[in-house]
Structures are given as C-alpha cells and as structure tokens.
Amino acid sequence: MGEPHLKDKLVRFIDFKDDGFEVKKHLGLVETERAKDRRSYMLDCWRDKITDAPSEFMVRTQIEDTDEWIHSFYYYNDGIPTEQDFMNSIADYLTFGTVK
C-alpha cells in the first residue's frame, strides 16, 4: 500500500469540524463566508506556515501503527474552566439526577 514513515516523524491530527460550512433547511450543506479563511488556515497549519495552532485544532505527535488515529485521542484540554462552566456542570448533574 505504501511505505511506512520514520518512527520519529511528527503526524498532524486536525479537528476541522469548524470548516465554515453550515447545514441549512431544504438546502443541505452551504458554504459560508468563513469557509475560504478556514480552509486557508488549515492548509497553512498543514504546510507548517503556522506552527502555533491551538491544540484543540491541531495536535502534532509521533504515532505507531497500533495507536489511535483521531484528533480527540491526542488532544488534552488544558484550558481552565470558568465559574459559569462549573455552574453549568453542577446544573447538568442536578438535572440528570431528577429525571425519571
């Protein structure tokens, strides 16, 4: 099928769910004005023109053939939650416990 890459090569995993397209009722997938910029940003990251992309967008790591091959496996959310995030989580737990 191909030649394996070197074990110390960095592989890029990109989460491109915010690609600038939206699903519109009766139209399906529609390109927004942001799509061109999002695509350009992704390609600049891929081509190493942007090397400091946030990890929620791109993770660069070494992998083996037995490793997971998805962004979410390597992404570590190191952002500090806000007080509102905390309150929303507590509300979710309280609501979940009362539903029968």
C-alpha atoms as a PDB file:
ATOM      1  CA  MET A   1       0.000   0.000   0.000  1.00  0.00           C
ATOM      2  CA  GLY A   2       2.810   2.385   0.720  1.00  0.00           C
ATOM      3  CA  GLU A   3       5.992   2.963   2.601  1.00  0.00           C
ATOM      4  CA  PRO A   4       5.886   3.444   6.372  1.00  0.00           C
ATOM      5  CA  HIS A   5       7.155   6.772   7.606  1.00  0.00           C
ATOM      6  CA  LEU A   6      10.006   7.152  10.077  1.00  0.00           C
ATOM      7  CA  LYS A   7       9.050   6.438  13.683  1.00  0.00           C
ATOM      8  CA  ASP A   8      10.197   9.881  14.875  1.00  0.00           C
ATOM      9  CA  LYS A   9       8.154  11.742  12.234  1.00  0.00           C
ATOM     10  CA  LEU A  10       5.508  14.069  13.630  1.00  0.00           C
ATOM     11  CA  VAL A  11       1.989  13.400  12.413  1.00  0.00           C
ATOM     12  CA  ARG A  12      -0.703  16.099  12.367  1.00  0.00           C
ATOM     13  CA  PHE A  13      -4.202  15.417  13.653  1.00  0.00           C
ATOM     14  CA  ILE A  14      -6.614  18.209  12.762  1.00  0.00           C
ATOM     15  CA  ASP A  15     -10.105  18.765  14.149  1.00  0.00           C
ATOM     16  CA  PHE A  16     -11.794  20.542  11.262  1.00  0.00           C
ATOM     17  CA  LYS A  17     -15.394  20.475  12.470  1.00  0.00           C
ATOM     18  CA  ASP A  18     -15.480  24.291  12.229  1.00  0.00           C
ATOM     19  CA  ASP A  19     -14.880  24.274   8.475  1.00  0.00           C
ATOM     20  CA  GLY A  20     -17.078  27.258   7.568  1.00  0.00           C
ATOM     21  CA  PHE A  21     -19.983  25.208   6.218  1.00  0.00           C
ATOM     22  CA  GLU A  22     -23.482  25.097   7.728  1.00  0.00           C
ATOM     23  CA  VAL A  23     -26.458  22.827   7.214  1.00  0.00           C
ATOM     24  CA  LYS A  24     -29.468  24.855   6.022  1.00  0.00           C
ATOM     25  CA  LYS A  25     -33.019  23.580   5.978  1.00  0.00           C
ATOM     26  CA  HIS A  26     -34.074  22.480   2.471  1.00  0.00           C
ATOM     27  CA  LEU A  27     -30.610  23.342   1.083  1.00  0.00           C
ATOM     28  CA  GLY A  28     -28.243  20.975   2.829  1.00  0.00           C
ATOM     29  CA  LEU A  29     -24.592  21.880   3.334  1.00  0.00           C
ATOM     30  CA  VAL A  30     -23.944  25.542   2.460  1.00  0.00           C
ATOM     31  CA  GLU A  31     -20.602  27.337   2.314  1.00  0.00           C
ATOM     32  CA  THR A  32     -20.432  30.477   4.491  1.00  0.00           C
ATOM     33  CA  GLU A  33     -18.170  33.488   4.058  1.00  0.00           C
ATOM     34  CA  ARG A  34     -15.796  31.918   6.625  1.00  0.00           C
ATOM     35  CA  ALA A  35     -15.146  28.712   4.643  1.00  0.00           C
ATOM     36  CA  LYS A  36     -12.343  30.107   2.475  1.00  0.00           C
ATOM     37  CA  ASP A  37     -10.496  31.531   5.510  1.00  0.00           C
ATOM     38  CA  ARG A  38     -10.924  28.309   7.498  1.00  0.00           C
ATOM     39  CA  ARG A  39      -9.612  26.217   4.594  1.00  0.00           C
ATOM     40  CA  SER A  40      -6.643  28.564   4.142  1.00  0.00           C
ATOM     41  CA  TYR A  41      -5.846  28.414   7.886  1.00  0.00           C
ATOM     42  CA  MET A  42      -5.972  24.612   7.876  1.00  0.00           C
ATOM     43  CA  LEU A  43      -3.655  24.381   4.856  1.00  0.00           C
ATOM     44  CA  ASP A  44      -1.220  26.883   6.392  1.00  0.00           C
ATOM     45  CA  CYS A  45      -1.076  24.712   9.517  1.00  0.00           C
ATOM     46  CA  TRP A  46      -0.598  21.590   7.403  1.00  0.00           C
ATOM     47  CA  ARG A  47       2.249  23.202   5.442  1.00  0.00           C
ATOM     48  CA  ASP A  48       3.957  24.447   8.644  1.00  0.00           C
ATOM     49  CA  LYS A  49       3.361  28.102   7.790  1.00  0.00           C
ATOM     50  CA  ILE A  50       1.543  28.290  11.137  1.00  0.00           C
ATOM     51  CA  THR A  51       3.313  26.328  13.856  1.00  0.00           C
ATOM     52  CA  ASP A  52       1.496  27.561  16.965  1.00  0.00           C
ATOM     53  CA  ALA A  53      -2.042  26.403  16.182  1.00  0.00           C
ATOM     54  CA  PRO A  54      -4.038  25.683  19.340  1.00  0.00           C
ATOM     55  CA  SER A  55      -4.165  22.011  20.318  1.00  0.00           C
ATOM     56  CA  GLU A  56      -7.957  21.941  20.101  1.00  0.00           C
ATOM     57  CA  PHE A  57      -7.427  22.469  16.365  1.00  0.00           C
ATOM     58  CA  MET A  58      -4.197  20.572  15.601  1.00  0.00           C
ATOM     59  CA  VAL A  59      -2.024  18.147  17.516  1.00  0.00           C
ATOM     60  CA  ARG A  60       1.397  17.099  16.259  1.00  0.00           C
ATOM     61  CA  THR A  61       2.713  13.851  17.693  1.00  0.00           C
ATOM     62  CA  GLN A  62       4.577  10.645  16.931  1.00  0.00           C
ATOM     63  CA  ILE A  63       2.463   7.553  16.346  1.00  0.00           C
ATOM     64  CA  GLU A  64       2.798   3.845  15.785  1.00  0.00           C
ATOM     65  CA  ASP A  65       0.595   1.661  13.611  1.00  0.00           C
ATOM     66  CA  THR A  66      -1.230   0.376  16.696  1.00  0.00           C
ATOM     67  CA  ASP A  67      -2.080   3.874  18.016  1.00  0.00           C
ATOM     68  CA  GLU A  68      -5.382   5.683  17.639  1.00  0.00           C
ATOM     69  CA  TRP A  69      -5.599   7.844  14.546  1.00  0.00           C
ATOM     70  CA  ILE A  70      -8.055  10.527  15.678  1.00  0.00           C
ATOM     71  CA  HIS A  71      -7.501  14.049  16.992  1.00  0.00           C
ATOM     72  CA  SER A  72      -9.532  13.597  20.185  1.00  0.00           C
ATOM     73  CA  PHE A  73      -7.243  10.798  21.380  1.00  0.00           C
ATOM     74  CA  TYR A  74      -4.243  13.180  21.485  1.00  0.00           C
ATOM     75  CA  TYR A  75      -5.981  16.433  22.376  1.00  0.00           C
ATOM     76  CA  TYR A  76      -5.633  17.485  26.006  1.00  0.00           C
ATOM     77  CA  ASN A  77      -7.897  20.311  27.126  1.00  0.00           C
ATOM     78  CA  ASP A  78      -5.632  22.339  29.374  1.00  0.00           C
ATOM     79  CA  GLY A  79      -7.931  25.358  29.491  1.00  0.00           C
ATOM     80  CA  ILE A  80      -9.128  26.465  32.910  1.00  0.00           C
ATOM     81  CA  PRO A  81     -12.916  26.239  33.184  1.00  0.00           C
ATOM     82  CA  THR A  82     -14.789  29.420  34.037  1.00  0.00           C
ATOM     83  CA  GLU A  83     -17.115  29.749  37.009  1.00  0.00           C
ATOM     84  CA  GLN A  84     -20.021  29.572  34.541  1.00  0.00           C
ATOM     85  CA  ASP A  85     -18.657  26.279  33.143  1.00  0.00           C
ATOM     86  CA  PHE A  86     -18.611  24.916  36.697  1.00  0.00           C
ATOM     87  CA  MET A  87     -22.160  26.092  37.417  1.00  0.00           C
ATOM     88  CA  ASN A  88     -23.391  24.559  34.142  1.00  0.00           C
ATOM     89  CA  SER A  89     -21.793  21.215  35.042  1.00  0.00           C
ATOM     90  CA  ILE A  90     -23.399  21.237  38.501  1.00  0.00           C
ATOM     91  CA  ALA A  91     -26.779  22.087  36.939  1.00  0.00           C
ATOM     92  CA  ASP A  92     -26.358  19.195  34.472  1.00  0.00           C
ATOM     93  CA  TYR A  93     -25.665  16.743  37.323  1.00  0.00           C
ATOM     94  CA  LEU A  94     -28.591  18.011  39.403  1.00  0.00           C
ATOM     95  CA  THR A  95     -30.960  17.852  36.413  1.00  0.00           C
ATOM     96  CA  PHE A  96     -29.790  14.365  35.417  1.00  0.00           C
ATOM     97  CA  GLY A  97     -30.434  13.031  38.919  1.00  0.00           C
ATOM     98  CA  THR A  98     -34.044  14.285  38.999  1.00  0.00           C
ATOM     99  CA  VAL A  99     -35.191  12.935  35.628  1.00  0.00           C
ATOM    100  CA  LYS A 100     -37.036   9.626  35.907  1.00  0.00           C
END
